[in-house]
Full PDB file with SEQRES, HELIX, SHEET, SSBOND, CRYST1, ORIGX, SCALE, CONECT and MASTER records, all heavy atoms in Angstrom:
SEQRES   1 A   31  LEU GLN THR ALA MET LEU GLY VAL PHE ILE THR GLN ASP          
SEQRES   2 A   31  MET PHE LEU PHE TYR LEU PHE TRP GLU VAL MET LEU VAL          
SEQRES   3 A   31  PRO MET TYR PHE LEU                                          
HELIX    1 AA1 GLN A    2  ILE A   10  1                                   9    
HELIX    2 AA2 MET A   14  VAL A   23  1                                  10    
HELIX    3 AA3 LEU A   25  PHE A   30  1                                   6    
CRYST1    1.000    1.000    1.000  90.00  90.00  90.00 P 1           1          
ORIGX1      1.000000  0.000000  0.000000        0.00000                         
ORIGX2      0.000000  1.000000  0.000000        0.00000                         
ORIGX3      0.000000  0.000000  1.000000        0.00000                         
SCALE1      1.000000  0.000000  0.000000        0.00000                         
SCALE2      0.000000  1.000000  0.000000        0.00000                         
SCALE3      0.000000  0.000000  1.000000        0.00000                         
ATOM      1  N   LEU A   1     108.898 100.185 116.197  1.00  0.00           N  
ATOM      2  CA  LEU A   1     108.946 101.646 116.159  1.00  0.00           C  
ATOM      3  C   LEU A   1     107.920 102.195 115.173  1.00  0.00           C  
ATOM      4  O   LEU A   1     107.253 103.202 115.452  1.00  0.00           O  
ATOM      5  CB  LEU A   1     110.352 102.101 115.769  1.00  0.00           C  
ATOM      6  CG  LEU A   1     110.563 103.613 115.593  1.00  0.00           C  
ATOM      7  CD1 LEU A   1     110.280 104.355 116.888  1.00  0.00           C  
ATOM      8  CD2 LEU A   1     111.991 103.893 115.120  1.00  0.00           C  
ATOM      9  N   GLN A   2     107.754 101.542 114.040  1.00  0.00           N  
ATOM     10  CA  GLN A   2     106.802 102.010 113.030  1.00  0.00           C  
ATOM     11  C   GLN A   2     105.378 102.030 113.583  1.00  0.00           C  
ATOM     12  O   GLN A   2     104.643 103.017 113.419  1.00  0.00           O  
ATOM     13  CB  GLN A   2     106.881 101.109 111.790  1.00  0.00           C  
ATOM     14  CG  GLN A   2     105.966 101.518 110.650  1.00  0.00           C  
ATOM     15  CD  GLN A   2     106.462 102.722 109.879  1.00  0.00           C  
ATOM     16  OE1 GLN A   2     107.413 103.374 110.293  1.00  0.00           O  
ATOM     17  NE2 GLN A   2     105.825 103.025 108.762  1.00  0.00           N  
ATOM     18  N   THR A   3     104.977 100.957 114.255  1.00  0.00           N  
ATOM     19  CA  THR A   3     103.628 100.920 114.825  1.00  0.00           C  
ATOM     20  C   THR A   3     103.455 101.966 115.918  1.00  0.00           C  
ATOM     21  O   THR A   3     102.410 102.620 116.011  1.00  0.00           O  
ATOM     22  CB  THR A   3     103.325  99.514 115.384  1.00  0.00           C  
ATOM     23  OG1 THR A   3     103.173  98.593 114.292  1.00  0.00           O  
ATOM     24  CG2 THR A   3     102.054  99.510 116.221  1.00  0.00           C  
ATOM     25  N   ALA A   4     104.471 102.159 116.755  1.00  0.00           N  
ATOM     26  CA  ALA A   4     104.376 103.157 117.827  1.00  0.00           C  
ATOM     27  C   ALA A   4     104.195 104.566 117.241  1.00  0.00           C  
ATOM     28  O   ALA A   4     103.386 105.359 117.743  1.00  0.00           O  
ATOM     29  CB  ALA A   4     105.620 103.098 118.705  1.00  0.00           C  
ATOM     30  N   MET A   5     104.924 104.864 116.174  1.00  0.00           N  
ATOM     31  CA  MET A   5     104.800 106.187 115.559  1.00  0.00           C  
ATOM     32  C   MET A   5     103.435 106.362 114.903  1.00  0.00           C  
ATOM     33  O   MET A   5     102.807 107.420 115.028  1.00  0.00           O  
ATOM     34  CB  MET A   5     105.920 106.388 114.531  1.00  0.00           C  
ATOM     35  CG  MET A   5     107.310 106.451 115.133  1.00  0.00           C  
ATOM     36  SD  MET A   5     108.604 106.902 113.953  1.00  0.00           S  
ATOM     37  CE  MET A   5     108.469 105.576 112.752  1.00  0.00           C  
ATOM     38  N   LEU A   6     102.969 105.345 114.203  1.00  0.00           N  
ATOM     39  CA  LEU A   6     101.649 105.426 113.571  1.00  0.00           C  
ATOM     40  C   LEU A   6     100.559 105.591 114.627  1.00  0.00           C  
ATOM     41  O   LEU A   6      99.587 106.326 114.425  1.00  0.00           O  
ATOM     42  CB  LEU A   6     101.395 104.176 112.729  1.00  0.00           C  
ATOM     43  CG  LEU A   6     102.242 104.020 111.460  1.00  0.00           C  
ATOM     44  CD1 LEU A   6     102.044 102.644 110.852  1.00  0.00           C  
ATOM     45  CD2 LEU A   6     101.899 105.106 110.451  1.00  0.00           C  
ATOM     46  N   GLY A   7     100.732 104.912 115.756  1.00  0.00           N  
ATOM     47  CA  GLY A   7      99.729 104.995 116.817  1.00  0.00           C  
ATOM     48  C   GLY A   7      99.591 106.387 117.396  1.00  0.00           C  
ATOM     49  O   GLY A   7      98.493 106.809 117.768  1.00  0.00           O  
ATOM     50  N   VAL A   8     100.701 107.123 117.480  1.00  0.00           N  
ATOM     51  CA  VAL A   8     100.654 108.487 118.015  1.00  0.00           C  
ATOM     52  C   VAL A   8      99.691 109.358 117.203  1.00  0.00           C  
ATOM     53  O   VAL A   8      98.949 110.183 117.761  1.00  0.00           O  
ATOM     54  CB  VAL A   8     102.069 109.106 118.016  1.00  0.00           C  
ATOM     55  CG1 VAL A   8     102.008 110.618 118.227  1.00  0.00           C  
ATOM     56  CG2 VAL A   8     102.922 108.465 119.098  1.00  0.00           C  
ATOM     57  N   PHE A   9      99.660 109.167 115.893  1.00  0.00           N  
ATOM     58  CA  PHE A   9      98.887 110.058 115.036  1.00  0.00           C  
ATOM     59  C   PHE A   9      97.409 109.680 114.936  1.00  0.00           C  
ATOM     60  O   PHE A   9      96.594 110.517 114.512  1.00  0.00           O  
ATOM     61  CB  PHE A   9      99.500 110.106 113.636  1.00  0.00           C  
ATOM     62  CG  PHE A   9     100.884 110.686 113.604  1.00  0.00           C  
ATOM     63  CD1 PHE A   9     101.946 109.985 113.060  1.00  0.00           C  
ATOM     64  CD2 PHE A   9     101.133 111.937 114.144  1.00  0.00           C  
ATOM     65  CE1 PHE A   9     103.219 110.519 113.039  1.00  0.00           C  
ATOM     66  CE2 PHE A   9     102.407 112.484 114.142  1.00  0.00           C  
ATOM     67  CZ  PHE A   9     103.449 111.776 113.582  1.00  0.00           C  
ATOM     68  N   ILE A  10      97.032 108.461 115.282  1.00  0.00           N  
ATOM     69  CA  ILE A  10      95.620 108.090 115.158  1.00  0.00           C  
ATOM     70  C   ILE A  10      94.873 108.131 116.485  1.00  0.00           C  
ATOM     71  O   ILE A  10      93.653 108.096 116.503  1.00  0.00           O  
ATOM     72  CB  ILE A  10      95.456 106.682 114.535  1.00  0.00           C  
ATOM     73  CG1 ILE A  10      95.972 105.593 115.470  1.00  0.00           C  
ATOM     74  CG2 ILE A  10      96.093 106.609 113.170  1.00  0.00           C  
ATOM     75  CD1 ILE A  10      95.589 104.182 115.028  1.00  0.00           C  
ATOM     76  N   THR A  11      95.582 108.205 117.609  1.00  0.00           N  
ATOM     77  CA  THR A  11      94.901 108.116 118.897  1.00  0.00           C  
ATOM     78  C   THR A  11      94.097 109.384 119.192  1.00  0.00           C  
ATOM     79  O   THR A  11      94.523 110.495 118.878  1.00  0.00           O  
ATOM     80  CB  THR A  11      95.905 107.850 120.025  1.00  0.00           C  
ATOM     81  OG1 THR A  11      95.211 107.738 121.262  1.00  0.00           O  
ATOM     82  CG2 THR A  11      96.911 108.980 120.144  1.00  0.00           C  
ATOM     83  N   GLN A  12      92.930 109.179 119.800  1.00  0.00           N  
ATOM     84  CA  GLN A  12      92.062 110.284 120.218  1.00  0.00           C  
ATOM     85  C   GLN A  12      91.803 110.237 121.718  1.00  0.00           C  
ATOM     86  O   GLN A  12      90.809 110.773 122.202  1.00  0.00           O  
ATOM     87  CB  GLN A  12      90.728 110.212 119.455  1.00  0.00           C  
ATOM     88  CG  GLN A  12      90.857 110.371 117.955  1.00  0.00           C  
ATOM     89  CD  GLN A  12      91.376 111.735 117.561  1.00  0.00           C  
ATOM     90  OE1 GLN A  12      90.962 112.750 118.124  1.00  0.00           O  
ATOM     91  NE2 GLN A  12      92.284 111.783 116.588  1.00  0.00           N  
ATOM     92  N   ASP A  13      92.706 109.601 122.449  1.00  0.00           N  
ATOM     93  CA  ASP A  13      92.612 109.487 123.904  1.00  0.00           C  
ATOM     94  C   ASP A  13      93.974 109.853 124.488  1.00  0.00           C  
ATOM     95  O   ASP A  13      95.011 109.365 124.023  1.00  0.00           O  
ATOM     96  CB  ASP A  13      92.227 108.058 124.301  1.00  0.00           C  
ATOM     97  CG  ASP A  13      92.059 107.891 125.794  1.00  0.00           C  
ATOM     98  OD1 ASP A  13      93.064 107.628 126.481  1.00  0.00           O  
ATOM     99  OD2 ASP A  13      90.915 108.011 126.282  1.00  0.00           O  
ATOM    100  N   MET A  14      93.992 110.714 125.479  1.00  0.00           N  
ATOM    101  CA  MET A  14      95.254 111.210 126.022  1.00  0.00           C  
ATOM    102  C   MET A  14      96.082 110.103 126.668  1.00  0.00           C  
ATOM    103  O   MET A  14      97.313 110.094 126.579  1.00  0.00           O  
ATOM    104  CB  MET A  14      94.979 112.319 127.044  1.00  0.00           C  
ATOM    105  CG  MET A  14      94.328 113.560 126.471  1.00  0.00           C  
ATOM    106  SD  MET A  14      95.379 114.458 125.316  1.00  0.00           S  
ATOM    107  CE  MET A  14      96.569 115.202 126.419  1.00  0.00           C  
ATOM    108  N   PHE A  15      95.432 109.175 127.329  1.00  0.00           N  
ATOM    109  CA  PHE A  15      96.144 108.062 127.963  1.00  0.00           C  
ATOM    110  C   PHE A  15      96.793 107.191 126.886  1.00  0.00           C  
ATOM    111  O   PHE A  15      97.967 106.815 126.990  1.00  0.00           O  
ATOM    112  CB  PHE A  15      95.172 107.236 128.808  1.00  0.00           C  
ATOM    113  CG  PHE A  15      95.819 106.131 129.605  1.00  0.00           C  
ATOM    114  CD1 PHE A  15      96.250 106.358 130.906  1.00  0.00           C  
ATOM    115  CD2 PHE A  15      96.010 104.871 129.061  1.00  0.00           C  
ATOM    116  CE1 PHE A  15      96.855 105.348 131.645  1.00  0.00           C  
ATOM    117  CE2 PHE A  15      96.608 103.854 129.782  1.00  0.00           C  
ATOM    118  CZ  PHE A  15      97.026 104.101 131.083  1.00  0.00           C  
ATOM    119  N   LEU A  16      96.046 106.890 125.848  1.00  0.00           N  
ATOM    120  CA  LEU A  16      96.564 106.070 124.755  1.00  0.00           C  
ATOM    121  C   LEU A  16      97.678 106.802 124.018  1.00  0.00           C  
ATOM    122  O   LEU A  16      98.686 106.194 123.626  1.00  0.00           O  
ATOM    123  CB  LEU A  16      95.419 105.727 123.800  1.00  0.00           C  
ATOM    124  CG  LEU A  16      95.718 104.735 122.678  1.00  0.00           C  
ATOM    125  CD1 LEU A  16      96.120 103.377 123.241  1.00  0.00           C  
ATOM    126  CD2 LEU A  16      94.494 104.583 121.762  1.00  0.00           C  
ATOM    127  N   PHE A  17      97.515 108.102 123.835  1.00  0.00           N  
ATOM    128  CA  PHE A  17      98.563 108.900 123.203  1.00  0.00           C  
ATOM    129  C   PHE A  17      99.863 108.802 123.993  1.00  0.00           C  
ATOM    130  O   PHE A  17     100.938 108.582 123.426  1.00  0.00           O  
ATOM    131  CB  PHE A  17      98.114 110.361 123.102  1.00  0.00           C  
ATOM    132  CG  PHE A  17      99.221 111.316 122.755  1.00  0.00           C  
ATOM    133  CD1 PHE A  17      99.632 111.487 121.445  1.00  0.00           C  
ATOM    134  CD2 PHE A  17      99.869 112.038 123.752  1.00  0.00           C  
ATOM    135  CE1 PHE A  17     100.660 112.358 121.128  1.00  0.00           C  
ATOM    136  CE2 PHE A  17     100.899 112.915 123.444  1.00  0.00           C  
ATOM    137  CZ  PHE A  17     101.299 113.071 122.131  1.00  0.00           C  
ATOM    138  N   TYR A  18      99.754 108.971 125.300  1.00  0.00           N  
ATOM    139  CA  TYR A  18     100.957 108.935 126.131  1.00  0.00           C  
ATOM    140  C   TYR A  18     101.612 107.559 126.080  1.00  0.00           C  
ATOM    141  O   TYR A  18     102.846 107.446 126.095  1.00  0.00           O  
ATOM    142  CB  TYR A  18     100.604 109.302 127.577  1.00  0.00           C  
ATOM    143  CG  TYR A  18     101.818 109.509 128.443  1.00  0.00           C  
ATOM    144  CD1 TYR A  18     102.537 110.704 128.392  1.00  0.00           C  
ATOM    145  CD2 TYR A  18     102.276 108.508 129.298  1.00  0.00           C  
ATOM    146  CE1 TYR A  18     103.658 110.905 129.177  1.00  0.00           C  
ATOM    147  CE2 TYR A  18     103.398 108.707 130.087  1.00  0.00           C  
ATOM    148  CZ  TYR A  18     104.086 109.900 130.028  1.00  0.00           C  
ATOM    149  OH  TYR A  18     105.198 110.087 130.798  1.00  0.00           O  
ATOM    150  N   LEU A  19     100.806 106.512 125.994  1.00  0.00           N  
ATOM    151  CA  LEU A  19     101.339 105.151 125.897  1.00  0.00           C  
ATOM    152  C   LEU A  19     102.163 104.986 124.625  1.00  0.00           C  
ATOM    153  O   LEU A  19     103.308 104.508 124.666  1.00  0.00           O  
ATOM    154  CB  LEU A  19     100.188 104.147 125.932  1.00  0.00           C  
ATOM    155  CG  LEU A  19     100.562 102.674 125.827  1.00  0.00           C  
ATOM    156  CD1 LEU A  19     101.373 102.233 127.052  1.00  0.00           C  
ATOM    157  CD2 LEU A  19      99.321 101.799 125.701  1.00  0.00           C  
ATOM    158  N   PHE A  20     101.606 105.381 123.486  1.00  0.00           N  
ATOM    159  CA  PHE A  20     102.347 105.286 122.222  1.00  0.00           C  
ATOM    160  C   PHE A  20     103.590 106.183 122.260  1.00  0.00           C  
ATOM    161  O   PHE A  20     104.649 105.806 121.750  1.00  0.00           O  
ATOM    162  CB  PHE A  20     101.450 105.686 121.051  1.00  0.00           C  
ATOM    163  CG  PHE A  20     100.529 104.605 120.576  1.00  0.00           C  
ATOM    164  CD1 PHE A  20      99.158 104.772 120.607  1.00  0.00           C  
ATOM    165  CD2 PHE A  20     101.033 103.409 120.087  1.00  0.00           C  
ATOM    166  CE1 PHE A  20      98.295 103.771 120.161  1.00  0.00           C  
ATOM    167  CE2 PHE A  20     100.192 102.402 119.635  1.00  0.00           C  
ATOM    168  CZ  PHE A  20      98.821 102.588 119.678  1.00  0.00           C  
ATOM    169  N   TRP A  21     103.450 107.363 122.842  1.00  0.00           N  
ATOM    170  CA  TRP A  21     104.553 108.326 122.922  1.00  0.00           C  
ATOM    171  C   TRP A  21     105.744 107.711 123.658  1.00  0.00           C  
ATOM    172  O   TRP A  21     106.897 107.876 123.249  1.00  0.00           O  
ATOM    173  CB  TRP A  21     104.051 109.581 123.627  1.00  0.00           C  
ATOM    174  CG  TRP A  21     105.030 110.692 123.793  1.00  0.00           C  
ATOM    175  CD1 TRP A  21     105.946 110.827 124.789  1.00  0.00           C  
ATOM    176  CD2 TRP A  21     105.202 111.837 122.958  1.00  0.00           C  
ATOM    177  NE1 TRP A  21     106.671 111.981 124.635  1.00  0.00           N  
ATOM    178  CE2 TRP A  21     106.228 112.625 123.520  1.00  0.00           C  
ATOM    179  CE3 TRP A  21     104.570 112.288 121.802  1.00  0.00           C  
ATOM    180  CZ2 TRP A  21     106.635 113.832 122.953  1.00  0.00           C  
ATOM    181  CZ3 TRP A  21     104.978 113.487 121.244  1.00  0.00           C  
ATOM    182  CH2 TRP A  21     106.004 114.242 121.809  1.00  0.00           C  
ATOM    183  N   GLU A  22     105.490 106.999 124.742  1.00  0.00           N  
ATOM    184  CA  GLU A  22     106.558 106.405 125.530  1.00  0.00           C  
ATOM    185  C   GLU A  22     107.119 105.146 124.864  1.00  0.00           C  
ATOM    186  O   GLU A  22     108.338 104.926 124.868  1.00  0.00           O  
ATOM    187  CB  GLU A  22     106.048 106.070 126.929  1.00  0.00           C  
ATOM    188  CG  GLU A  22     105.787 107.284 127.801  1.00  0.00           C  
ATOM    189  CD  GLU A  22     107.068 108.057 128.085  1.00  0.00           C  
ATOM    190  OE1 GLU A  22     107.832 107.661 128.975  1.00  0.00           O  
ATOM    191  OE2 GLU A  22     107.315 109.056 127.377  1.00  0.00           O  
ATOM    192  N   VAL A  23     106.242 104.327 124.311  1.00  0.00           N  
ATOM    193  CA  VAL A  23     106.703 103.098 123.644  1.00  0.00           C  
ATOM    194  C   VAL A  23     107.634 103.427 122.495  1.00  0.00           C  
ATOM    195  O   VAL A  23     108.623 102.724 122.247  1.00  0.00           O  
ATOM    196  CB  VAL A  23     105.490 102.270 123.149  1.00  0.00           C  
ATOM    197  CG1 VAL A  23     105.943 101.134 122.229  1.00  0.00           C  
ATOM    198  CG2 VAL A  23     104.716 101.710 124.340  1.00  0.00           C  
ATOM    199  N   MET A  24     107.370 104.515 121.809  1.00  0.00           N  
ATOM    200  CA  MET A  24     108.186 104.939 120.667  1.00  0.00           C  
ATOM    201  C   MET A  24     109.640 105.172 121.050  1.00  0.00           C  
ATOM    202  O   MET A  24     110.548 104.977 120.240  1.00  0.00           O  
ATOM    203  CB  MET A  24     107.559 106.221 120.119  1.00  0.00           C  
ATOM    204  CG  MET A  24     108.266 106.911 119.004  1.00  0.00           C  
ATOM    205  SD  MET A  24     107.335 108.380 118.550  1.00  0.00           S  
ATOM    206  CE  MET A  24     107.415 109.323 120.076  1.00  0.00           C  
ATOM    207  N   LEU A  25     109.868 105.561 122.282  1.00  0.00           N  
ATOM    208  CA  LEU A  25     111.220 105.896 122.727  1.00  0.00           C  
ATOM    209  C   LEU A  25     112.109 104.659 122.851  1.00  0.00           C  
ATOM    210  O   LEU A  25     113.316 104.724 122.599  1.00  0.00           O  
ATOM    211  CB  LEU A  25     111.137 106.617 124.077  1.00  0.00           C  
ATOM    212  CG  LEU A  25     112.442 107.048 124.741  1.00  0.00           C  
ATOM    213  CD1 LEU A  25     113.208 108.005 123.839  1.00  0.00           C  
ATOM    214  CD2 LEU A  25     112.144 107.707 126.089  1.00  0.00           C  
ATOM    215  N   VAL A  26     111.512 103.522 123.215  1.00  0.00           N  
ATOM    216  CA  VAL A  26     112.302 102.314 123.499  1.00  0.00           C  
ATOM    217  C   VAL A  26     113.003 101.771 122.249  1.00  0.00           C  
ATOM    218  O   VAL A  26     114.224 101.542 122.273  1.00  0.00           O  
ATOM    219  CB  VAL A  26     111.415 101.239 124.154  1.00  0.00           C  
ATOM    220  CG1 VAL A  26     112.204  99.952 124.391  1.00  0.00           C  
ATOM    221  CG2 VAL A  26     110.832 101.758 125.472  1.00  0.00           C  
ATOM    222  N   PRO A  27     112.289 101.567 121.123  1.00  0.00           N  
ATOM    223  CA  PRO A  27     113.002 101.068 119.923  1.00  0.00           C  
ATOM    224  C   PRO A  27     114.101 102.008 119.446  1.00  0.00           C  
ATOM    225  O   PRO A  27     115.174 101.553 119.037  1.00  0.00           O  
ATOM    226  CB  PRO A  27     111.885 100.949 118.873  1.00  0.00           C  
ATOM    227  CG  PRO A  27     110.628 100.880 119.653  1.00  0.00           C  
ATOM    228  CD  PRO A  27     110.848 101.693 120.876  1.00  0.00           C  
ATOM    229  N   MET A  28     113.845 103.323 119.502  1.00  0.00           N  
ATOM    230  CA  MET A  28     114.863 104.255 119.044  1.00  0.00           C  
ATOM    231  C   MET A  28     116.096 104.205 119.935  1.00  0.00           C  
ATOM    232  O   MET A  28     117.234 104.327 119.460  1.00  0.00           O  
ATOM    233  CB  MET A  28     114.284 105.678 118.991  1.00  0.00           C  
ATOM    234  CG  MET A  28     115.260 106.724 118.450  1.00  0.00           C  
ATOM    235  SD  MET A  28     115.986 106.299 116.834  1.00  0.00           S  
ATOM    236  CE  MET A  28     114.567 106.459 115.766  1.00  0.00           C  
ATOM    237  N   TYR A  29     115.894 104.010 121.232  1.00  0.00           N  
ATOM    238  CA  TYR A  29     117.023 103.875 122.156  1.00  0.00           C  
ATOM    239  C   TYR A  29     117.908 102.698 121.753  1.00  0.00           C  
ATOM    240  O   TYR A  29     119.140 102.810 121.687  1.00  0.00           O  
ATOM    241  CB  TYR A  29     116.503 103.688 123.583  1.00  0.00           C  
ATOM    242  CG  TYR A  29     117.579 103.349 124.583  1.00  0.00           C  
ATOM    243  CD1 TYR A  29     118.362 104.342 125.159  1.00  0.00           C  
ATOM    244  CD2 TYR A  29     117.837 102.020 124.942  1.00  0.00           C  
ATOM    245  CE1 TYR A  29     119.365 104.033 126.071  1.00  0.00           C  
ATOM    246  CE2 TYR A  29     118.833 101.702 125.850  1.00  0.00           C  
ATOM    247  CZ  TYR A  29     119.597 102.704 126.414  1.00  0.00           C  
ATOM    248  OH  TYR A  29     120.591 102.391 127.312  1.00  0.00           O  
ATOM    249  N   PHE A  30     117.297 101.571 121.443  1.00  0.00           N  
ATOM    250  CA  PHE A  30     118.082 100.389 121.071  1.00  0.00           C  
ATOM    251  C   PHE A  30     118.693 100.518 119.678  1.00  0.00           C  
ATOM    252  O   PHE A  30     119.816 100.048 119.439  1.00  0.00           O  
ATOM    253  CB  PHE A  30     117.211  99.129 121.149  1.00  0.00           C  
ATOM    254  CG  PHE A  30     116.952  98.674 122.553  1.00  0.00           C  
ATOM    255  CD1 PHE A  30     115.683  98.733 123.096  1.00  0.00           C  
ATOM    256  CD2 PHE A  30     117.990  98.192 123.350  1.00  0.00           C  
ATOM    257  CE1 PHE A  30     115.441  98.311 124.404  1.00  0.00           C  
ATOM    258  CE2 PHE A  30     117.761  97.772 124.646  1.00  0.00           C  
ATOM    259  CZ  PHE A  30     116.479  97.839 125.183  1.00  0.00           C  
ATOM    260  N   LEU A  31     117.979 101.142 118.739  1.00  0.00           N  
ATOM    261  CA  LEU A  31     118.529 101.319 117.390  1.00  0.00           C  
ATOM    262  C   LEU A  31     119.810 102.143 117.422  1.00  0.00           C  
ATOM    263  O   LEU A  31     120.770 101.847 116.691  1.00  0.00           O  
ATOM    264  CB  LEU A  31     117.495 101.990 116.486  1.00  0.00           C  
ATOM    265  CG  LEU A  31     116.296 101.127 116.055  1.00  0.00           C  
ATOM    266  CD1 LEU A  31     115.267 101.962 115.326  1.00  0.00           C  
ATOM    267  CD2 LEU A  31     116.751  99.962 115.190  1.00  0.00           C  
TER     268      LEU A  31                                                      
MASTER        0    0    0    3    0    0    0    6  267    1    0    3          
END                                                                             
């Protein structure tokens, strides 16, 4: 989750942003 959140703030590509945005949801769901 930490890496997914950090990735959201450094990405400068919309596709990459959306990837981090979605990945972030999975760890929080399980936590």
